[in-house]
C-alpha atoms as a PDB file:
ATOM      1  CA  MET A   1      -9.275 -23.897  47.675  1.00  0.00           C
ATOM      2  CA  PRO A   2      -5.970 -25.758  47.290  1.00  0.00           C
ATOM      3  CA  ARG A   3      -3.200 -23.887  45.489  1.00  0.00           C
ATOM      4  CA  ALA A   4      -2.895 -26.542  42.758  1.00  0.00           C
ATOM      5  CA  LEU A   5      -6.601 -26.300  41.957  1.00  0.00           C
ATOM      6  CA  ARG A   6      -6.411 -22.484  41.738  1.00  0.00           C
ATOM      7  CA  ALA A   7      -3.435 -22.758  39.403  1.00  0.00           C
ATOM      8  CA  ALA A   8      -5.245 -25.316  37.233  1.00  0.00           C
ATOM      9  CA  LEU A   9      -8.322 -23.082  37.035  1.00  0.00           C
ATOM     10  CA  ALA A  10      -6.162 -20.074  36.116  1.00  0.00           C
ATOM     11  CA  LEU A  11      -4.476 -22.067  33.337  1.00  0.00           C
ATOM     12  CA  ALA A  12      -7.840 -23.245  32.058  1.00  0.00           C
ATOM     13  CA  ALA A  13      -9.111 -19.640  31.988  1.00  0.00           C
ATOM     14  CA  LEU A  14      -6.028 -18.555  30.037  1.00  0.00           C
ATOM     15  CA  ALA A  15      -6.487 -21.398  27.566  1.00  0.00           C
ATOM     16  CA  LEU A  16     -10.138 -20.463  27.025  1.00  0.00           C
ATOM     17  CA  ALA A  17      -9.206 -16.798  26.572  1.00  0.00           C
ATOM     18  CA  ALA A  18      -6.623 -17.743  23.957  1.00  0.00           C
ATOM     19  CA  CYS A  19      -9.310 -19.663  22.065  1.00  0.00           C
ATOM     20  CA  GLY A  20     -11.653 -16.683  22.171  1.00  0.00           C
ATOM     21  CA  ASN A  21     -14.146 -18.546  24.366  1.00  0.00           C
ATOM     22  CA  ALA A  22     -13.621 -16.543  27.540  1.00  0.00           C
ATOM     23  CA  VAL A  23     -16.849 -15.070  28.850  1.00  0.00           C
ATOM     24  CA  ALA A  24     -15.506 -13.032  31.763  1.00  0.00           C
ATOM     25  CA  ASN A  25     -13.476 -10.609  29.645  1.00  0.00           C
ATOM     26  CA  PRO A  26     -14.391 -10.848  25.962  1.00  0.00           C
ATOM     27  CA  SER A  27     -12.238  -8.908  23.527  1.00  0.00           C
ATOM     28  CA  PRO A  28     -13.009  -7.816  19.967  1.00  0.00           C
ATOM     29  CA  PRO A  29     -11.658  -9.853  17.063  1.00  0.00           C
ATOM     30  CA  ALA A  30      -8.130  -8.931  16.011  1.00  0.00           C
ATOM     31  CA  THR A  31      -9.369  -7.530  12.678  1.00  0.00           C
ATOM     32  CA  VAL A  32     -11.439  -4.766  14.301  1.00  0.00           C
ATOM     33  CA  VAL A  33      -9.722  -1.405  14.063  1.00  0.00           C
ATOM     34  CA  ALA A  34     -10.026   0.068  17.548  1.00  0.00           C
ATOM     35  CA  VAL A  35      -8.577   3.479  16.683  1.00  0.00           C
ATOM     36  CA  ASN A  36     -11.130   6.267  16.864  1.00  0.00           C
ATOM     37  CA  PRO A  37     -10.866   8.097  14.546  1.00  0.00           C
ATOM     38  CA  PRO A  38      -8.903   5.571  12.496  1.00  0.00           C
ATOM     39  CA  ILE A  39      -6.679   8.118  10.747  1.00  0.00           C
ATOM     40  CA  ALA A  40      -3.469   6.053  10.961  1.00  0.00           C
ATOM     41  CA  ALA A  41      -5.261   2.903   9.757  1.00  0.00           C
ATOM     42  CA  ILE A  42      -6.813   4.761   6.806  1.00  0.00           C
ATOM     43  CA  LYS A  43      -3.432   6.227   5.806  1.00  0.00           C
ATOM     44  CA  ALA A  44      -1.848   2.761   6.019  1.00  0.00           C
ATOM     45  CA  GLY A  45      -4.646   1.322   3.865  1.00  0.00           C
ATOM     46  CA  VAL A  46      -4.221   4.058   1.255  1.00  0.00           C
ATOM     47  CA  ARG A  47      -0.455   3.531   1.185  1.00  0.00           C
ATOM     48  CA  SER A  48      -0.861  -0.254   0.843  1.00  0.00           C
ATOM     49  CA  SER A  49      -3.540  -0.032  -1.877  1.00  0.00           C
ATOM     50  CA  LEU A  50      -1.540   2.459  -3.932  1.00  0.00           C
ATOM     51  CA  SER A  51       1.571   0.327  -3.588  1.00  0.00           C
ATOM     52  CA  GLN A  52      -0.358  -2.679  -4.938  1.00  0.00           C
ATOM     53  CA  GLN A  53      -1.438  -0.529  -7.919  1.00  0.00           C
ATOM     54  CA  ASN A  54       2.255   0.270  -8.597  1.00  0.00           C
ATOM     55  CA  ILE A  55       1.706   3.937  -7.826  1.00  0.00           C
ATOM     56  CA  ALA A  56       4.795   5.656  -6.402  1.00  0.00           C
ATOM     57  CA  SER A  57       5.237   5.316  -2.666  1.00  0.00           C
ATOM     58  CA  ILE A  58       3.403   7.915  -0.639  1.00  0.00           C
ATOM     59  CA  GLY A  59       5.144   9.448   2.375  1.00  0.00           C
ATOM     60  CA  GLU A  60       3.480  10.051   5.752  1.00  0.00           C
ATOM     61  CA  GLY A  61       2.781  13.752   5.159  1.00  0.00           C
ATOM     62  CA  GLN A  62       1.418  13.167   1.694  1.00  0.00           C
ATOM     63  CA  ILE A  63      -1.910  11.626   2.761  1.00  0.00           C
ATOM     64  CA  GLU A  64      -4.599  13.757   4.375  1.00  0.00           C
ATOM     65  CA  VAL A  65      -7.788  12.099   5.625  1.00  0.00           C
ATOM     66  CA  GLU A  66     -10.476  14.678   4.874  1.00  0.00           C
ATOM     67  CA  ALA A  67     -13.736  12.928   5.781  1.00  0.00           C
ATOM     68  CA  ILE A  68     -14.947   9.743   7.442  1.00  0.00           C
ATOM     69  CA  GLU A  69     -18.489   8.431   7.289  1.00  0.00           C
ATOM     70  CA  GLY A  70     -19.089   5.100   8.981  1.00  0.00           C
ATOM     71  CA  THR A  71     -16.883   2.542   7.255  1.00  0.00           C
ATOM     72  CA  ALA A  72     -15.945   4.809   4.337  1.00  0.00           C
ATOM     73  CA  ALA A  73     -13.557   7.733   4.036  1.00  0.00           C
ATOM     74  CA  ARG A  74     -12.095  10.263   1.619  1.00  0.00           C
ATOM     75  CA  ALA A  75      -8.391  11.026   1.611  1.00  0.00           C
ATOM     76  CA  ARG A  76      -6.301  13.381  -0.462  1.00  0.00           C
ATOM     77  CA  ILE A  77      -2.896  12.336  -1.685  1.00  0.00           C
ATOM     78  CA  TYR A  78      -0.187  14.805  -2.608  1.00  0.00           C
ATOM     79  CA  PRO A  79       2.629  14.061  -5.077  1.00  0.00           C
ATOM     80  CA  GLU A  80       6.214  14.292  -3.868  1.00  0.00           C
ATOM     81  CA  ASP A  81       6.868  16.703  -6.734  1.00  0.00           C
ATOM     82  CA  PRO A  82       3.956  19.192  -6.940  1.00  0.00           C
ATOM     83  CA  ALA A  83       5.008  20.165 -10.481  1.00  0.00           C
ATOM     84  CA  SER A  84       4.561  16.572 -11.689  1.00  0.00           C
ATOM     85  CA  THR A  85       0.831  16.154 -11.097  1.00  0.00           C
ATOM     86  CA  ASP A  86      -2.109  17.537  -9.134  1.00  0.00           C
ATOM     87  CA  PRO A  87      -3.195  16.237  -5.741  1.00  0.00           C
ATOM     88  CA  ALA A  88      -5.829  13.502  -6.057  1.00  0.00           C
ATOM     89  CA  TRP A  89      -8.578  11.984  -3.978  1.00  0.00           C
ATOM     90  CA  VAL A  90      -8.972   8.348  -3.042  1.00  0.00           C
ATOM     91  CA  PHE A  91     -11.964   6.772  -1.363  1.00  0.00           C
ATOM     92  CA  VAL A  92     -11.547   3.855   1.007  1.00  0.00           C
ATOM     93  CA  LYS A  93     -13.849   1.379   2.687  1.00  0.00           C
ATOM     94  CA  LEU A  94     -13.270  -0.780   5.728  1.00  0.00           C
ATOM     95  CA  ASP A  95     -13.415  -4.417   4.632  1.00  0.00           C
ATOM     96  CA  GLN A  96     -12.619  -7.228   7.055  1.00  0.00           C
ATOM     97  CA  GLY A  97     -10.629  -4.863   9.259  1.00  0.00           C
ATOM     98  CA  LEU A  98      -8.587  -3.310   6.438  1.00  0.00           C
ATOM     99  CA  TRP A  99      -9.079   0.087   4.800  1.00  0.00           C
ATOM    100  CA  THR A 100      -8.890  -0.433   1.044  1.00  0.00           C
ATOM    101  CA  VAL A 101      -9.047   2.060  -1.838  1.00  0.00           C
ATOM    102  CA  VAL A 102     -12.264   1.448  -3.808  1.00  0.00           C
ATOM    103  CA  ALA A 103     -12.207   4.590  -5.982  1.00  0.00           C
ATOM    104  CA  GLY A 104      -9.377   6.771  -7.228  1.00  0.00           C
ATOM    105  CA  PRO A 105      -6.940   8.200  -7.355  1.00  0.00           C
ATOM    106  CA  GLY A 106      -8.675  10.935  -9.290  1.00  0.00           C
ATOM    107  CA  THR A 107      -9.477  14.628  -9.342  1.00  0.00           C
ATOM    108  CA  ALA A 108     -13.218  14.530 -10.107  1.00  0.00           C
ATOM    109  CA  PHE A 109     -15.959  12.178  -8.953  1.00  0.00           C
ATOM    110  CA  THR A 110     -19.705  12.143  -9.609  1.00  0.00           C
ATOM    111  CA  PRO A 111     -22.598  10.809  -7.540  1.00  0.00           C
ATOM    112  CA  ALA A 112     -22.742   7.886 -10.008  1.00  0.00           C
ATOM    113  CA  ASP A 113     -19.061   7.088  -9.255  1.00  0.00           C
ATOM    114  CA  MET A 114     -19.849   7.047  -5.555  1.00  0.00           C
ATOM    115  CA  GLN A 115     -22.865   4.804  -6.040  1.00  0.00           C
ATOM    116  CA  ALA A 116     -20.879   2.383  -8.211  1.00  0.00           C
ATOM    117  CA  ALA A 117     -18.221   2.085  -5.481  1.00  0.00           C
ATOM    118  CA  GLY A 118     -20.829   1.681  -2.715  1.00  0.00           C
ATOM    119  CA  LEU A 119     -19.822   4.972  -1.078  1.00  0.00           C
ATOM    120  CA  PRO A 120     -22.056   7.619   0.499  1.00  0.00           C
ATOM    121  CA  GLU A 121     -22.454  10.718  -1.685  1.00  0.00           C
ATOM    122  CA  SER A 122     -21.772  12.854   1.374  1.00  0.00           C
ATOM    123  CA  LEU A 123     -18.073  11.994   0.945  1.00  0.00           C
ATOM    124  CA  LEU A 124     -17.928  13.854  -2.388  1.00  0.00           C
ATOM    125  CA  PRO A 125     -15.513  16.788  -2.137  1.00  0.00           C
ATOM    126  CA  THR A 126     -17.202  20.186  -2.273  1.00  0.00           C
ATOM    127  CA  GLU A 127     -14.335  22.116  -3.864  1.00  0.00           C
END
């Protein structure tokens, strides 16, 4: 095969791959979180959601992902000043590639709260 033809075919393959139409080596959409378990993505989603709710910024060590079930998770957030308030739970769901808080922050949740937020009851804290 002539060199020019090989180069043209390689360019065409790259162009198709950039359009997402490549068949030889398909890749997942950019919105899919490929981290397993997605701890860092969940923490980032919690931080972003709380920031949008005008809740004080949460540092890296102040979010603990306690449970993950499918596309839902429970995380515990800790205040910078433990004397100011108690730790609280937040519940997040994966929506279009982003982990978003759908319930909380709060210190007590019921099965009805979980159902209203579309969360599995198995994520309820046991303590």
